[in-house]
Amino acid sequence: MNTGNKISKDEIIVNIIHELKTPITTIYLVSQTLRKIFDNIGEINYFDIIDEECSTMSNLLDRLIMLNKIEEPKIQFDNNINIHDILTVAVNSMKPTLKGKKGILTEYYRAEHFIVKGNGDLLISAFRNIIQNSIIYCNTVPEITITTYNENNDIVLLFSDNGIGIEEKYYDKVFDKYYKIPDKKHIDGTGLGLYYVNKNIRRLGGSVMINSCIGKGTTLKITLPICLTKI
């Protein structure tokens, strides 16, 4: 807790991260503008490289913010979170990275009731983490499908991919803090992504389940209660 004019280390870190995000966003926007003028010049599309690296840096900063928030005892809730809008923001932020891998992402937003009580920043970060995992843990061209539908008084979100898969014995362990599957430790990652996703979805009153097949892919099922007053 702050007293007087003292600023905590966490506040300093968050401020620095937000300051770093501004030039990254500017570089990305300038790249998009120049692309319209100079696109497809030469064999190497340098604008794709710029976009992908900006996306990578931005997502790394988002993860730092996420890690700072993860232990906060209280979070602010909004009763009017549109899950489909949140998904769109998360997907759009990952498009440069996905494009760099020549990946495909398909969306089927079938839920008729999609307003939840939650925190937009936490949900966006969680969904980005899931999409990023699908890209990282894939030995071929990533193919990701996001589907939503209603089940009882919940909205269900399915994130399916064609990645390397997870053995059933690791289903629970991948949600542990810093856990990395033994035979996948050579793949870049902090072991915090799914821990963060699971913890914060649970804080929002939801649940996370995994279904996977080695060599064929993984489906992550997120269930969140909808705001009944909005039906």
Protein backbone atom coordinates (compact mmCIF):
# COMPACT_ATOMS: atom_id res chain seq x y z
CA MET A 1 0.00 0.00 0.00
CA ASN A 2 1.27 3.46 -0.87
CA THR A 3 1.82 6.12 1.75
CA GLY A 4 2.30 9.78 0.87
CA ASN A 5 4.18 10.15 -2.39
CA LYS A 6 5.81 6.71 -2.30
CA ILE A 7 5.39 4.63 -5.45
CA SER A 8 5.58 0.86 -5.26
CA LYS A 9 7.89 -1.22 -7.43
CA ASP A 10 4.88 -2.80 -9.13
CA GLU A 11 3.47 0.61 -10.06
CA ILE A 12 6.83 1.64 -11.53
CA ILE A 13 6.98 -1.56 -13.60
CA VAL A 14 3.43 -1.08 -14.91
CA ASN A 15 4.14 2.55 -15.81
CA ILE A 16 7.30 1.58 -17.70
CA ILE A 17 5.44 -1.16 -19.57
CA HIS A 18 2.68 1.23 -20.62
CA GLU A 19 5.29 3.76 -21.74
CA LEU A 20 6.99 1.10 -23.87
CA LYS A 21 3.71 0.08 -25.49
CA THR A 22 3.20 3.57 -26.94
CA PRO A 23 6.24 3.58 -29.30
CA ILE A 24 5.55 -0.03 -30.29
CA THR A 25 2.00 0.91 -31.28
CA THR A 26 3.33 3.94 -33.18
CA ILE A 27 5.85 1.82 -35.10
CA TYR A 28 3.10 -0.64 -36.02
CA LEU A 29 0.76 2.12 -37.26
CA VAL A 30 3.55 3.73 -39.31
CA SER A 31 4.37 0.32 -40.79
CA GLN A 32 0.73 -0.13 -41.81
CA THR A 33 0.72 3.29 -43.48
CA LEU A 34 4.00 2.69 -45.37
CA ARG A 35 2.79 -0.76 -46.40
CA LYS A 36 0.02 0.84 -48.47
CA ILE A 37 2.67 2.78 -50.42
CA PHE A 38 5.57 0.36 -50.71
CA ASP A 39 4.06 -3.11 -50.22
CA ASN A 40 5.33 -6.03 -52.33
CA ILE A 41 8.62 -4.35 -53.21
CA GLY A 42 11.37 -6.98 -53.35
CA GLU A 43 11.30 -10.62 -52.36
CA ILE A 44 11.28 -9.98 -48.62
CA ASN A 45 8.28 -8.18 -47.17
CA TYR A 46 9.96 -6.15 -44.45
CA PHE A 47 6.62 -4.79 -43.32
CA ASP A 48 5.55 -8.30 -42.32
CA ILE A 49 8.74 -8.59 -40.26
CA ILE A 50 8.08 -5.24 -38.56
CA ASP A 51 4.46 -6.16 -37.84
CA GLU A 52 5.36 -9.57 -36.43
CA GLU A 53 8.12 -8.20 -34.19
CA CYS A 54 5.86 -5.38 -32.93
CA SER A 55 3.22 -7.98 -32.13
CA THR A 56 5.79 -10.12 -30.30
CA MET A 57 7.02 -7.18 -28.20
CA SER A 58 3.49 -6.02 -27.45
CA ASN A 59 2.46 -9.50 -26.32
CA LEU A 60 5.55 -9.78 -24.11
CA LEU A 61 4.61 -6.50 -22.43
CA ASP A 62 1.04 -7.72 -22.01
CA ARG A 63 2.39 -10.80 -20.26
CA LEU A 64 4.38 -8.61 -17.88
CA ILE A 65 1.22 -6.67 -17.06
CA MET A 66 -0.61 -9.96 -16.66
CA LEU A 67 2.00 -11.29 -14.23
CA ASN A 68 1.77 -8.08 -12.22
CA LYS A 69 -2.02 -8.39 -11.99
CA ILE A 70 -2.11 -12.07 -11.23
CA GLU A 71 -1.49 -11.77 -7.51
CA GLU A 72 -3.70 -8.73 -6.96
CA PRO A 73 -6.15 -9.58 -4.16
CA LYS A 74 -8.94 -7.58 -5.80
CA ILE A 75 -9.85 -6.91 -9.39
CA GLN A 76 -12.36 -4.50 -10.89
CA PHE A 77 -15.43 -6.08 -12.46
CA ASP A 78 -17.61 -4.81 -15.27
CA ASN A 79 -21.12 -6.23 -15.64
CA ASN A 80 -21.25 -5.52 -19.38
CA ILE A 81 -18.37 -7.41 -20.95
CA ASN A 82 -19.15 -8.51 -24.49
CA ILE A 83 -17.17 -11.73 -24.91
CA HIS A 84 -17.34 -11.57 -28.70
CA ASP A 85 -15.85 -8.07 -28.71
CA ILE A 86 -13.11 -9.19 -26.32
CA LEU A 87 -12.31 -12.16 -28.55
CA THR A 88 -12.10 -9.87 -31.58
CA VAL A 89 -9.57 -7.61 -29.82
CA ALA A 90 -7.47 -10.61 -28.78
CA VAL A 91 -7.58 -12.18 -32.26
CA ASN A 92 -6.70 -8.93 -34.03
CA SER A 93 -3.68 -8.41 -31.76
CA MET A 94 -2.36 -11.86 -32.69
CA LYS A 95 -2.90 -11.60 -36.47
CA PRO A 96 0.64 -10.35 -37.28
CA THR A 97 2.20 -13.28 -35.39
CA LEU A 98 -0.21 -15.72 -37.01
CA LYS A 99 0.47 -14.25 -40.46
CA GLY A 100 4.20 -14.67 -39.88
CA LYS A 101 3.57 -18.40 -39.47
CA LYS A 102 1.12 -18.42 -42.42
CA GLY A 103 -1.48 -19.62 -39.94
CA ILE A 104 -5.26 -19.74 -40.23
CA LEU A 105 -7.72 -18.68 -37.55
CA THR A 106 -11.44 -19.34 -37.98
CA GLU A 107 -14.15 -17.93 -35.73
CA TYR A 108 -17.66 -19.30 -35.12
CA TYR A 109 -19.43 -16.99 -32.68
CA ARG A 110 -22.68 -18.89 -32.19
CA ALA A 111 -23.55 -17.83 -28.66
CA GLU A 112 -26.76 -15.77 -28.58
CA HIS A 113 -26.07 -14.54 -25.05
CA PHE A 114 -22.50 -13.27 -24.65
CA ILE A 115 -22.55 -10.59 -21.94
CA VAL A 116 -20.60 -11.56 -18.82
CA LYS A 117 -19.39 -10.01 -15.60
CA GLY A 118 -15.63 -9.79 -15.73
CA ASN A 119 -12.53 -7.77 -16.42
CA GLY A 120 -11.76 -6.97 -20.05
CA ASP A 121 -7.99 -6.70 -19.61
CA LEU A 122 -7.76 -10.08 -17.90
CA LEU A 123 -9.90 -11.78 -20.53
CA ILE A 124 -7.98 -10.27 -23.47
CA SER A 125 -4.67 -11.35 -21.94
CA ALA A 126 -6.03 -14.84 -21.25
CA PHE A 127 -7.29 -15.29 -24.81
CA ARG A 128 -4.03 -13.98 -26.27
CA ASN A 129 -2.12 -16.51 -24.20
CA ILE A 130 -4.24 -19.35 -25.51
CA ILE A 131 -3.80 -18.28 -29.13
CA GLN A 132 -0.08 -17.77 -28.66
CA ASN A 133 0.30 -21.25 -27.17
CA SER A 134 -1.49 -22.69 -30.21
CA ILE A 135 1.07 -20.99 -32.44
CA ILE A 136 4.14 -21.87 -30.37
CA TYR A 137 3.26 -25.52 -29.79
CA CYS A 138 2.69 -26.38 -33.44
CA ASN A 139 5.09 -28.14 -35.79
CA THR A 140 3.20 -27.23 -38.95
CA VAL A 141 1.10 -24.34 -40.26
CA PRO A 142 -1.10 -23.33 -37.29
CA GLU A 143 -4.83 -23.84 -37.73
CA ILE A 144 -6.88 -22.39 -34.90
CA THR A 145 -10.64 -22.41 -34.46
CA ILE A 146 -12.57 -20.38 -31.88
CA THR A 147 -16.18 -21.34 -31.25
CA THR A 148 -18.73 -19.93 -28.82
CA TYR A 149 -22.13 -21.26 -27.81
CA ASN A 150 -24.49 -21.16 -24.85
CA GLU A 151 -24.93 -24.01 -22.41
CA ASN A 152 -27.43 -23.58 -19.58
CA ASN A 153 -26.63 -20.15 -18.06
CA ASP A 154 -23.08 -20.10 -19.39
CA ILE A 155 -21.16 -19.12 -22.48
CA VAL A 156 -18.70 -21.74 -23.67
CA LEU A 157 -15.57 -20.83 -25.61
CA LEU A 158 -13.66 -23.55 -27.47
CA PHE A 159 -10.10 -22.85 -28.63
CA SER A 160 -9.04 -25.71 -30.91
CA ASP A 161 -5.72 -26.13 -32.72
CA ASN A 162 -3.67 -28.61 -34.72
CA GLY A 163 -0.67 -28.47 -32.42
CA ILE A 164 1.57 -31.14 -30.97
CA GLY A 165 -0.94 -32.06 -28.26
CA ILE A 166 -0.74 -32.82 -24.54
CA GLU A 167 -0.72 -36.23 -22.89
CA GLU A 168 -3.68 -36.78 -20.55
CA LYS A 169 -1.40 -37.28 -17.54
CA TYR A 170 -0.34 -33.64 -17.86
CA TYR A 171 -3.83 -32.13 -18.10
CA ASP A 172 -3.87 -30.91 -14.50
CA LYS A 173 -0.15 -30.14 -14.23
CA VAL A 174 -0.08 -27.64 -17.11
CA PHE A 175 -2.13 -25.29 -14.92
CA ASP A 176 0.59 -25.27 -12.24
CA LYS A 177 2.77 -22.20 -11.90
CA TYR A 178 6.02 -22.46 -13.94
CA TYR A 179 5.20 -26.00 -15.07
CA LYS A 180 6.57 -27.08 -18.44
CA ILE A 181 5.93 -30.53 -19.89
CA PRO A 182 9.26 -32.45 -19.65
CA ASP A 183 9.63 -33.34 -23.34
CA LYS A 184 8.70 -29.80 -24.43
CA LYS A 185 11.17 -27.82 -22.32
CA HIS A 186 13.16 -26.95 -25.45
CA ILE A 187 10.21 -24.84 -26.66
CA ASP A 188 10.29 -21.20 -25.60
CA GLY A 189 7.87 -20.40 -22.79
CA THR A 190 7.64 -19.37 -19.15
CA GLY A 191 5.32 -22.06 -17.86
CA LEU A 192 2.98 -19.31 -16.70
CA GLY A 193 0.53 -18.95 -19.58
CA LEU A 194 -2.04 -21.61 -18.70
CA TYR A 195 -1.51 -21.00 -14.98
CA TYR A 196 -2.54 -17.41 -15.59
CA VAL A 197 -5.48 -18.36 -17.84
CA ASN A 198 -6.86 -20.87 -15.35
CA LYS A 199 -6.42 -18.68 -12.28
CA ASN A 200 -8.09 -15.62 -13.73
CA ILE A 201 -10.93 -17.46 -15.46
CA ARG A 202 -11.67 -19.04 -12.06
CA ARG A 203 -11.54 -15.59 -10.43
CA LEU A 204 -14.23 -14.56 -12.89
CA GLY A 205 -16.42 -17.48 -11.84
CA GLY A 206 -15.57 -19.72 -14.78
CA SER A 207 -13.70 -22.93 -15.49
CA VAL A 208 -11.07 -24.26 -17.90
CA MET A 209 -10.83 -27.81 -19.27
CA ILE A 210 -8.39 -29.47 -21.67
CA ASN A 211 -8.97 -32.19 -24.23
CA SER A 212 -6.03 -33.18 -26.39
CA CYS A 213 -4.62 -35.80 -28.72
CA ILE A 214 -0.89 -36.19 -29.29
CA GLY A 215 0.04 -35.16 -32.80
CA LYS A 216 -3.45 -33.91 -33.64
CA GLY A 217 -4.06 -30.90 -31.43
CA THR A 218 -5.67 -29.51 -28.32
CA THR A 219 -9.02 -28.00 -27.42
CA LEU A 220 -9.28 -25.66 -24.45
CA LYS A 221 -12.81 -25.24 -23.14
CA ILE A 222 -13.59 -22.11 -21.15
CA THR A 223 -16.95 -21.72 -19.45
CA LEU A 224 -18.12 -18.38 -18.04
CA PRO A 225 -21.48 -17.47 -16.46
CA ILE A 226 -23.52 -15.02 -18.51
CA CYS A 227 -25.30 -12.00 -17.04
CA LEU A 228 -28.87 -13.24 -16.81
CA THR A 229 -30.20 -9.69 -16.63
CA LYS A 230 -29.03 -9.21 -20.21
CA ILE A 231 -31.01 -12.11 -21.64
